[in-house]
Amino acid sequence: MSDLGKKTFFRRPKSCPFTGEHAPEIDWKDLKTLGRYISERGKITPSRITAVSNKKQRELATAIKRSRYMALMPYLRIEGEQRPSYDNKYDKRS
């Protein structure tokens, strides 16, 4: 079969945003960072989409679940409501 009509597909190599020298640390109190990895419906976004490594994805899921348990983040998003803001107004570091 001829490959003349097919275009080559270029896939950029993914790198984990939590590994490296200046990478942010995964903390259950850092709502702004954790909020980036939550879908619109409140689900944890899979690592194949976010390019997070397996080890860091497990840490991220644990941090999100811990934050939900401590009532800093909602468990789910009700349709029609505005997306919750994860700006931590009580954070002393900001």
PDB file of N, CA and C in Angstrom:
ATOM      1  N   MET A   1       0.837  -1.179   0.000  1.00  0.00           N
ATOM      2  CA  MET A   1       0.000   0.000   0.000  1.00  0.00           C
ATOM      3  C   MET A   1       0.881   1.240   0.000  1.00  0.00           C
ATOM      4  N   SER A   2       0.474   2.244  -0.693  1.00  0.00           N
ATOM      5  CA  SER A   2       1.257   3.468  -0.845  1.00  0.00           C
ATOM      6  C   SER A   2       1.038   4.413   0.328  1.00  0.00           C
ATOM      7  N   ASP A   3       2.107   5.035   0.789  1.00  0.00           N
ATOM      8  CA  ASP A   3       2.035   5.997   1.887  1.00  0.00           C
ATOM      9  C   ASP A   3       2.055   7.437   1.379  1.00  0.00           C
ATOM     10  N   LEU A   4       1.794   7.645   0.098  1.00  0.00           N
ATOM     11  CA  LEU A   4       1.870   8.990  -0.462  1.00  0.00           C
ATOM     12  C   LEU A   4       0.772   9.904   0.063  1.00  0.00           C
ATOM     13  N   GLY A   5      -0.406   9.385   0.270  1.00  0.00           N
ATOM     14  CA  GLY A   5      -1.524  10.205   0.709  1.00  0.00           C
ATOM     15  C   GLY A   5      -1.575  10.453   2.209  1.00  0.00           C
ATOM     16  N   LYS A   6      -0.766   9.732   2.960  1.00  0.00           N
ATOM     17  CA  LYS A   6      -0.804   9.863   4.414  1.00  0.00           C
ATOM     18  C   LYS A   6       0.150  10.952   4.885  1.00  0.00           C
ATOM     19  N   LYS A   7      -0.313  11.723   5.842  1.00  0.00           N
ATOM     20  CA  LYS A   7       0.550  12.725   6.464  1.00  0.00           C
ATOM     21  C   LYS A   7       1.161  12.122   7.718  1.00  0.00           C
ATOM     22  N   THR A   8       2.367  12.504   7.988  1.00  0.00           N
ATOM     23  CA  THR A   8       2.993  12.013   9.215  1.00  0.00           C
ATOM     24  C   THR A   8       2.459  12.809  10.393  1.00  0.00           C
ATOM     25  N   PHE A   9       2.269  12.121  11.481  1.00  0.00           N
ATOM     26  CA  PHE A   9       1.726  12.739  12.688  1.00  0.00           C
ATOM     27  C   PHE A   9       2.872  13.002  13.653  1.00  0.00           C
ATOM     28  N   PHE A  10       3.049  14.250  14.038  1.00  0.00           N
ATOM     29  CA  PHE A  10       4.119  14.618  14.962  1.00  0.00           C
ATOM     30  C   PHE A  10       3.549  14.769  16.362  1.00  0.00           C
ATOM     31  N   ARG A  11       4.066  13.996  17.279  1.00  0.00           N
ATOM     32  CA  ARG A  11       3.636  14.083  18.669  1.00  0.00           C
ATOM     33  C   ARG A  11       4.793  14.630  19.498  1.00  0.00           C
ATOM     34  N   ARG A  12       4.538  15.738  20.150  1.00  0.00           N
ATOM     35  CA  ARG A  12       5.555  16.354  20.993  1.00  0.00           C
ATOM     36  C   ARG A  12       5.758  15.505  22.247  1.00  0.00           C
ATOM     37  N   PRO A  13       6.988  15.267  22.651  1.00  0.00           N
ATOM     38  CA  PRO A  13       7.196  14.494  23.877  1.00  0.00           C
ATOM     39  C   PRO A  13       6.682  15.259  25.093  1.00  0.00           C
ATOM     40  N   LYS A  14       5.928  14.562  25.924  1.00  0.00           N
ATOM     41  CA  LYS A  14       5.339  15.205  27.091  1.00  0.00           C
ATOM     42  C   LYS A  14       6.322  15.152  28.254  1.00  0.00           C
ATOM     43  N   SER A  15       6.321  16.200  29.039  1.00  0.00           N
ATOM     44  CA  SER A  15       7.150  16.200  30.239  1.00  0.00           C
ATOM     45  C   SER A  15       6.265  16.561  31.425  1.00  0.00           C
ATOM     46  N   CYS A  16       6.533  15.933  32.537  1.00  0.00           N
ATOM     47  CA  CYS A  16       5.724  16.117  33.738  1.00  0.00           C
ATOM     48  C   CYS A  16       5.925  17.529  34.294  1.00  0.00           C
ATOM     49  N   PRO A  17       4.845  18.258  34.580  1.00  0.00           N
ATOM     50  CA  PRO A  17       4.980  19.613  35.117  1.00  0.00           C
ATOM     51  C   PRO A  17       5.443  19.649  36.573  1.00  0.00           C
ATOM     52  N   PHE A  18       5.484  18.502  37.250  1.00  0.00           N
ATOM     53  CA  PHE A  18       5.890  18.467  38.656  1.00  0.00           C
ATOM     54  C   PHE A  18       7.298  17.932  38.856  1.00  0.00           C
ATOM     55  N   THR A  19       8.010  17.624  37.774  1.00  0.00           N
ATOM     56  CA  THR A  19       9.394  17.196  37.903  1.00  0.00           C
ATOM     57  C   THR A  19      10.284  18.275  37.320  1.00  0.00           C
ATOM     58  N   GLY A  20      11.416  18.435  37.897  1.00  0.00           N
ATOM     59  CA  GLY A  20      12.350  19.451  37.439  1.00  0.00           C
ATOM     60  C   GLY A  20      12.798  20.327  38.588  1.00  0.00           C
ATOM     61  N   GLU A  21      13.653  21.258  38.256  1.00  0.00           N
ATOM     62  CA  GLU A  21      14.267  22.098  39.275  1.00  0.00           C
ATOM     63  C   GLU A  21      13.292  23.085  39.906  1.00  0.00           C
ATOM     64  N   HIS A  22      12.519  23.778  39.090  1.00  0.00           N
ATOM     65  CA  HIS A  22      11.622  24.828  39.594  1.00  0.00           C
ATOM     66  C   HIS A  22      10.157  24.397  39.549  1.00  0.00           C
ATOM     67  N   ALA A  23       9.918  23.122  39.666  1.00  0.00           N
ATOM     68  CA  ALA A  23       8.552  22.592  39.596  1.00  0.00           C
ATOM     69  C   ALA A  23       7.807  22.867  40.901  1.00  0.00           C
ATOM     70  N   PRO A  24       6.499  23.124  40.810  1.00  0.00           N
ATOM     71  CA  PRO A  24       5.726  23.340  42.043  1.00  0.00           C
ATOM     72  C   PRO A  24       5.572  22.041  42.829  1.00  0.00           C
ATOM     73  N   GLU A  25       5.462  22.185  44.118  1.00  0.00           N
ATOM     74  CA  GLU A  25       5.275  21.030  44.990  1.00  0.00           C
ATOM     75  C   GLU A  25       3.778  20.734  45.098  1.00  0.00           C
ATOM     76  N   ILE A  26       3.425  19.470  45.152  1.00  0.00           N
ATOM     77  CA  ILE A  26       2.021  19.080  45.283  1.00  0.00           C
ATOM     78  C   ILE A  26       1.641  19.172  46.752  1.00  0.00           C
ATOM     79  N   ASP A  27       0.697  20.058  47.053  1.00  0.00           N
ATOM     80  CA  ASP A  27       0.260  20.270  48.426  1.00  0.00           C
ATOM     81  C   ASP A  27      -1.260  20.329  48.433  1.00  0.00           C
ATOM     82  N   TRP A  28      -1.890  19.665  49.383  1.00  0.00           N
ATOM     83  CA  TRP A  28      -3.351  19.623  49.430  1.00  0.00           C
ATOM     84  C   TRP A  28      -3.953  20.972  49.793  1.00  0.00           C
ATOM     85  N   LYS A  29      -3.158  21.916  50.267  1.00  0.00           N
ATOM     86  CA  LYS A  29      -3.665  23.245  50.611  1.00  0.00           C
ATOM     87  C   LYS A  29      -3.524  24.234  49.461  1.00  0.00           C
ATOM     88  N   ASP A  30      -2.790  23.857  48.411  1.00  0.00           N
ATOM     89  CA  ASP A  30      -2.565  24.732  47.264  1.00  0.00           C
ATOM     90  C   ASP A  30      -3.701  24.539  46.257  1.00  0.00           C
ATOM     91  N   LEU A  31      -4.777  25.264  46.456  1.00  0.00           N
ATOM     92  CA  LEU A  31      -5.989  25.056  45.660  1.00  0.00           C
ATOM     93  C   LEU A  31      -5.842  25.528  44.221  1.00  0.00           C
ATOM     94  N   LYS A  32      -5.035  26.533  43.996  1.00  0.00           N
ATOM     95  CA  LYS A  32      -4.863  27.039  42.637  1.00  0.00           C
ATOM     96  C   LYS A  32      -4.187  25.984  41.752  1.00  0.00           C
ATOM     97  N   THR A  33      -3.164  25.336  42.266  1.00  0.00           N
ATOM     98  CA  THR A  33      -2.477  24.290  41.504  1.00  0.00           C
ATOM     99  C   THR A  33      -3.370  23.068  41.330  1.00  0.00           C
ATOM    100  N   LEU A  34      -4.045  22.654  42.378  1.00  0.00           N
ATOM    101  CA  LEU A  34      -4.908  21.470  42.295  1.00  0.00           C
ATOM    102  C   LEU A  34      -6.100  21.708  41.376  1.00  0.00           C
ATOM    103  N   GLY A  35      -6.607  22.930  41.342  1.00  0.00           N
ATOM    104  CA  GLY A  35      -7.763  23.252  40.514  1.00  0.00           C
ATOM    105  C   GLY A  35      -7.503  23.109  39.029  1.00  0.00           C
ATOM    106  N   ARG A  36      -6.236  23.187  38.623  1.00  0.00           N
ATOM    107  CA  ARG A  36      -5.888  23.020  37.210  1.00  0.00           C
ATOM    108  C   ARG A  36      -6.070  21.579  36.752  1.00  0.00           C
ATOM    109  N   TYR A  37      -6.100  20.636  37.673  1.00  0.00           N
ATOM    110  CA  TYR A  37      -6.181  19.223  37.342  1.00  0.00           C
ATOM    111  C   TYR A  37      -7.544  18.631  37.661  1.00  0.00           C
ATOM    112  N   ILE A  38      -8.561  19.489  37.766  1.00  0.00           N
ATOM    113  CA  ILE A  38      -9.943  19.075  37.990  1.00  0.00           C
ATOM    114  C   ILE A  38     -10.746  19.469  36.749  1.00  0.00           C
ATOM    115  N   SER A  39     -11.575  18.556  36.246  1.00  0.00           N
ATOM    116  CA  SER A  39     -12.389  18.863  35.070  1.00  0.00           C
ATOM    117  C   SER A  39     -13.563  19.764  35.458  1.00  0.00           C
ATOM    118  N   GLU A  40     -14.331  20.165  34.471  1.00  0.00           N
ATOM    119  CA  GLU A  40     -15.486  21.033  34.716  1.00  0.00           C
ATOM    120  C   GLU A  40     -16.549  20.341  35.557  1.00  0.00           C
ATOM    121  N   ARG A  41     -16.599  19.035  35.498  1.00  0.00           N
ATOM    122  CA  ARG A  41     -17.577  18.278  36.285  1.00  0.00           C
ATOM    123  C   ARG A  41     -17.048  17.865  37.649  1.00  0.00           C
ATOM    124  N   GLY A  42     -15.817  18.228  37.958  1.00  0.00           N
ATOM    125  CA  GLY A  42     -15.252  17.921  39.265  1.00  0.00           C
ATOM    126  C   GLY A  42     -14.438  16.647  39.309  1.00  0.00           C
ATOM    127  N   LYS A  43     -14.166  16.051  38.157  1.00  0.00           N
ATOM    128  CA  LYS A  43     -13.384  14.815  38.117  1.00  0.00           C
ATOM    129  C   LYS A  43     -11.895  15.142  38.013  1.00  0.00           C
ATOM    130  N   ILE A  44     -11.071  14.220  38.484  1.00  0.00           N
ATOM    131  CA  ILE A  44      -9.626  14.372  38.370  1.00  0.00           C
ATOM    132  C   ILE A  44      -9.245  14.054  36.931  1.00  0.00           C
ATOM    133  N   THR A  45      -8.551  14.976  36.275  1.00  0.00           N
ATOM    134  CA  THR A  45      -8.170  14.811  34.879  1.00  0.00           C
ATOM    135  C   THR A  45      -7.097  13.728  34.758  1.00  0.00           C
ATOM    136  N   PRO A  46      -7.219  12.797  33.803  1.00  0.00           N
ATOM    137  CA  PRO A  46      -6.247  11.708  33.685  1.00  0.00           C
ATOM    138  C   PRO A  46      -4.872  12.195  33.240  1.00  0.00           C
ATOM    139  N   SER A  47      -3.859  11.402  33.562  1.00  0.00           N
ATOM    140  CA  SER A  47      -2.481  11.803  33.286  1.00  0.00           C
ATOM    141  C   SER A  47      -2.160  11.789  31.796  1.00  0.00           C
ATOM    142  N   ARG A  48      -2.889  11.045  30.991  1.00  0.00           N
ATOM    143  CA  ARG A  48      -2.615  11.045  29.550  1.00  0.00           C
ATOM    144  C   ARG A  48      -2.967  12.393  28.926  1.00  0.00           C
ATOM    145  N   ILE A  49      -3.811  13.165  29.585  1.00  0.00           N
ATOM    146  CA  ILE A  49      -4.180  14.490  29.097  1.00  0.00           C
ATOM    147  C   ILE A  49      -3.280  15.557  29.707  1.00  0.00           C
ATOM    148  N   THR A  50      -2.982  15.435  30.993  1.00  0.00           N
ATOM    149  CA  THR A  50      -2.207  16.461  31.691  1.00  0.00           C
ATOM    150  C   THR A  50      -0.707  16.240  31.618  1.00  0.00           C
ATOM    151  N   ALA A  51      -0.252  15.086  31.142  1.00  0.00           N
ATOM    152  CA  ALA A  51       1.166  14.735  31.004  1.00  0.00           C
ATOM    153  C   ALA A  51       1.881  14.633  32.341  1.00  0.00           C
ATOM    154  N   VAL A  52       1.155  14.315  33.396  1.00  0.00           N
ATOM    155  CA  VAL A  52       1.759  14.128  34.710  1.00  0.00           C
ATOM    156  C   VAL A  52       2.243  12.681  34.804  1.00  0.00           C
ATOM    157  N   SER A  53       3.421  12.467  35.397  1.00  0.00           N
ATOM    158  CA  SER A  53       3.965  11.112  35.527  1.00  0.00           C
ATOM    159  C   SER A  53       3.097  10.279  36.475  1.00  0.00           C
ATOM    160  N   ASN A  54       3.277   8.965  36.430  1.00  0.00           N
ATOM    161  CA  ASN A  54       2.449   8.066  37.245  1.00  0.00           C
ATOM    162  C   ASN A  54       2.602   8.346  38.731  1.00  0.00           C
ATOM    163  N   LYS A  55       3.829   8.525  39.168  1.00  0.00           N
ATOM    164  CA  LYS A  55       4.090   8.772  40.585  1.00  0.00           C
ATOM    165  C   LYS A  55       3.443  10.079  41.035  1.00  0.00           C
ATOM    166  N   LYS A  56       3.617  11.127  40.244  1.00  0.00           N
ATOM    167  CA  LYS A  56       3.064  12.430  40.605  1.00  0.00           C
ATOM    168  C   LYS A  56       1.544  12.455  40.449  1.00  0.00           C
ATOM    169  N   GLN A  57       0.992  11.642  39.536  1.00  0.00           N
ATOM    170  CA  GLN A  57      -0.464  11.557  39.382  1.00  0.00           C
ATOM    171  C   GLN A  57      -1.094  10.952  40.633  1.00  0.00           C
ATOM    172  N   ARG A  58      -0.439   9.947  41.203  1.00  0.00           N
ATOM    173  CA  ARG A  58      -0.937   9.362  42.448  1.00  0.00           C
ATOM    174  C   ARG A  58      -0.871  10.374  43.589  1.00  0.00           C
ATOM    175  N   GLU A  59       0.233  11.127  43.672  1.00  0.00           N
ATOM    176  CA  GLU A  59       0.353  12.165  44.699  1.00  0.00           C
ATOM    177  C   GLU A  59      -0.707  13.244  44.503  1.00  0.00           C
ATOM    178  N   LEU A  60      -0.937  13.617  43.244  1.00  0.00           N
ATOM    179  CA  LEU A  60      -1.923  14.641  42.917  1.00  0.00           C
ATOM    180  C   LEU A  60      -3.329  14.181  43.302  1.00  0.00           C
ATOM    181  N   ALA A  61      -3.669  12.935  42.988  1.00  0.00           N
ATOM    182  CA  ALA A  61      -4.990  12.401  43.335  1.00  0.00           C
ATOM    183  C   ALA A  61      -5.175  12.353  44.845  1.00  0.00           C
ATOM    184  N   THR A  62      -4.140  11.959  45.568  1.00  0.00           N
ATOM    185  CA  THR A  62      -4.215  11.922  47.031  1.00  0.00           C
ATOM    186  C   THR A  62      -4.404  13.320  47.596  1.00  0.00           C
ATOM    187  N   ALA A  63      -3.686  14.298  47.033  1.00  0.00           N
ATOM    188  CA  ALA A  63      -3.805  15.680  47.506  1.00  0.00           C
ATOM    189  C   ALA A  63      -5.199  16.239  47.228  1.00  0.00           C
ATOM    190  N   ILE A  64      -5.764  15.937  46.056  1.00  0.00           N
ATOM    191  CA  ILE A  64      -7.107  16.413  45.718  1.00  0.00           C
ATOM    192  C   ILE A  64      -8.135  15.775  46.644  1.00  0.00           C
ATOM    193  N   LYS A  65      -8.005  14.475  46.882  1.00  0.00           N
ATOM    194  CA  LYS A  65      -8.945  13.782  47.769  1.00  0.00           C
ATOM    195  C   LYS A  65      -8.840  14.295  49.197  1.00  0.00           C
ATOM    196  N   ARG A  66      -7.629  14.581  49.633  1.00  0.00           N
ATOM    197  CA  ARG A  66      -7.434  15.117  50.980  1.00  0.00           C
ATOM    198  C   ARG A  66      -8.033  16.515  51.088  1.00  0.00           C
ATOM    199  N   SER A  67      -7.864  17.318  50.046  1.00  0.00           N
ATOM    200  CA  SER A  67      -8.427  18.663  50.026  1.00  0.00           C
ATOM    201  C   SER A  67      -9.953  18.626  50.019  1.00  0.00           C
ATOM    202  N   ARG A  68     -10.526  17.662  49.321  1.00  0.00           N
ATOM    203  CA  ARG A  68     -11.982  17.504  49.327  1.00  0.00           C
ATOM    204  C   ARG A  68     -12.475  17.069  50.700  1.00  0.00           C
ATOM    205  N   TYR A  69     -11.737  16.157  51.324  1.00  0.00           N
ATOM    206  CA  TYR A  69     -12.125  15.665  52.645  1.00  0.00           C
ATOM    207  C   TYR A  69     -12.092  16.788  53.680  1.00  0.00           C
ATOM    208  N   MET A  70     -11.138  17.691  53.538  1.00  0.00           N
ATOM    209  CA  MET A  70     -11.015  18.820  54.465  1.00  0.00           C
ATOM    210  C   MET A  70     -11.933  19.979  54.076  1.00  0.00           C
ATOM    211  N   ALA A  71     -12.781  19.778  53.074  1.00  0.00           N
ATOM    212  CA  ALA A  71     -13.799  20.735  52.616  1.00  0.00           C
ATOM    213  C   ALA A  71     -13.198  22.003  52.033  1.00  0.00           C
ATOM    214  N   LEU A  72     -12.012  21.898  51.447  1.00  0.00           N
ATOM    215  CA  LEU A  72     -11.437  23.040  50.743  1.00  0.00           C
ATOM    216  C   LEU A  72     -11.879  23.067  49.284  1.00  0.00           C
ATOM    217  N   MET A  73     -12.185  21.879  48.735  1.00  0.00           N
ATOM    218  CA  MET A  73     -12.636  21.764  47.353  1.00  0.00           C
ATOM    219  C   MET A  73     -13.944  20.979  47.334  1.00  0.00           C
ATOM    220  N   PRO A  74     -14.825  21.267  46.365  1.00  0.00           N
ATOM    221  CA  PRO A  74     -16.076  20.499  46.273  1.00  0.00           C
ATOM    222  C   PRO A  74     -15.832  19.121  45.655  1.00  0.00           C
ATOM    223  N   TYR A  75     -16.679  18.173  46.010  1.00  0.00           N
ATOM    224  CA  TYR A  75     -16.577  16.837  45.431  1.00  0.00           C
ATOM    225  C   TYR A  75     -17.058  16.816  43.990  1.00  0.00           C
ATOM    226  N   LEU A  76     -18.105  17.556  43.682  1.00  0.00           N
ATOM    227  CA  LEU A  76     -18.609  17.609  42.322  1.00  0.00           C
ATOM    228  C   LEU A  76     -19.166  18.986  42.042  1.00  0.00           C
ATOM    229  N   ARG A  77     -19.355  19.240  40.764  1.00  0.00           N
ATOM    230  CA  ARG A  77     -19.871  20.534  40.334  1.00  0.00           C
ATOM    231  C   ARG A  77     -21.280  20.326  39.822  1.00  0.00           C
ATOM    232  N   ILE A  78     -22.218  21.083  40.355  1.00  0.00           N
ATOM    233  CA  ILE A  78     -23.609  20.985  39.931  1.00  0.00           C
ATOM    234  C   ILE A  78     -23.776  21.811  38.663  1.00  0.00           C
ATOM    235  N   GLU A  79     -24.458  21.233  37.674  1.00  0.00           N
ATOM    236  CA  GLU A  79     -24.634  21.899  36.391  1.00  0.00           C
ATOM    237  C   GLU A  79     -25.415  23.193  36.572  1.00  0.00           C
ATOM    238  N   GLY A  80     -24.963  24.238  35.907  1.00  0.00           N
ATOM    239  CA  GLY A  80     -25.612  25.533  36.006  1.00  0.00           C
ATOM    240  C   GLY A  80     -24.925  26.464  36.988  1.00  0.00           C
ATOM    241  N   GLU A  81     -24.158  25.909  37.908  1.00  0.00           N
ATOM    242  CA  GLU A  81     -23.424  26.745  38.848  1.00  0.00           C
ATOM    243  C   GLU A  81     -22.144  27.247  38.203  1.00  0.00           C
ATOM    244  N   GLN A  82     -21.673  28.348  38.717  1.00  0.00           N
ATOM    245  CA  GLN A  82     -20.420  28.894  38.235  1.00  0.00           C
ATOM    246  C   GLN A  82     -19.276  28.022  38.748  1.00  0.00           C
ATOM    247  N   ARG A  83     -18.225  27.887  37.955  1.00  0.00           N
ATOM    248  CA  ARG A  83     -17.076  27.083  38.363  1.00  0.00           C
ATOM    249  C   ARG A  83     -16.452  27.700  39.603  1.00  0.00           C
ATOM    250  N   PRO A  84     -16.167  26.893  40.619  1.00  0.00           N
ATOM    251  CA  PRO A  84     -15.621  27.453  41.856  1.00  0.00           C
ATOM    252  C   PRO A  84     -14.234  28.029  41.645  1.00  0.00           C
ATOM    253  N   SER A  85     -13.967  29.118  42.313  1.00  0.00           N
ATOM    254  CA  SER A  85     -12.654  29.742  42.254  1.00  0.00           C
ATOM    255  C   SER A  85     -11.779  29.086  43.304  1.00  0.00           C
ATOM    256  N   TYR A  86     -10.607  28.668  42.891  1.00  0.00           N
ATOM    257  CA  TYR A  86      -9.707  28.003  43.819  1.00  0.00           C
ATOM    258  C   TYR A  86      -8.653  28.958  44.360  1.00  0.00           C
ATOM    259  N   ASP A  87      -8.928  30.251  44.322  1.00  0.00           N
ATOM    260  CA  ASP A  87      -8.018  31.212  44.925  1.00  0.00           C
ATOM    261  C   ASP A  87      -8.172  31.110  46.430  1.00  0.00           C
ATOM    262  N   ASN A  88      -7.106  30.788  47.088  1.00  0.00           N
ATOM    263  CA  ASN A  88      -7.155  30.595  48.532  1.00  0.00           C
ATOM    264  C   ASN A  88      -6.983  31.947  49.209  1.00  0.00           C
ATOM    265  N   LYS A  89      -8.073  32.532  49.673  1.00  0.00           N
ATOM    266  CA  LYS A  89      -8.002  33.852  50.286  1.00  0.00           C
ATOM    267  C   LYS A  89      -7.427  33.810  51.692  1.00  0.00           C
ATOM    268  N   TYR A  90      -7.311  32.611  52.260  1.00  0.00           N
ATOM    269  CA  TYR A  90      -6.759  32.482  53.604  1.00  0.00           C
ATOM    270  C   TYR A  90      -5.289  32.068  53.594  1.00  0.00           C
ATOM    271  N   ASP A  91      -4.723  31.926  52.402  1.00  0.00           N
ATOM    272  CA  ASP A  91      -3.333  31.508  52.289  1.00  0.00           C
ATOM    273  C   ASP A  91      -2.420  32.671  52.643  1.00  0.00           C
ATOM    274  N   LYS A  92      -1.531  32.471  53.572  1.00  0.00           N
ATOM    275  CA  LYS A  92      -0.638  33.540  54.018  1.00  0.00           C
ATOM    276  C   LYS A  92       0.541  33.726  53.080  1.00  0.00           C
ATOM    277  N   ARG A  93       0.814  32.718  52.224  1.00  0.00           N
ATOM    278  CA  ARG A  93       1.951  32.815  51.311  1.00  0.00           C
ATOM    279  C   ARG A  93       1.672  33.740  50.139  1.00  0.00           C
ATOM    280  N   SER A  94       0.414  33.965  49.781  1.00  0.00           N
ATOM    281  CA  SER A  94       0.063  34.766  48.598  1.00  0.00           C
ATOM    282  C   SER A  94       0.216  36.239  48.856  1.00  0.00           C
TER     283      SER A  94
END
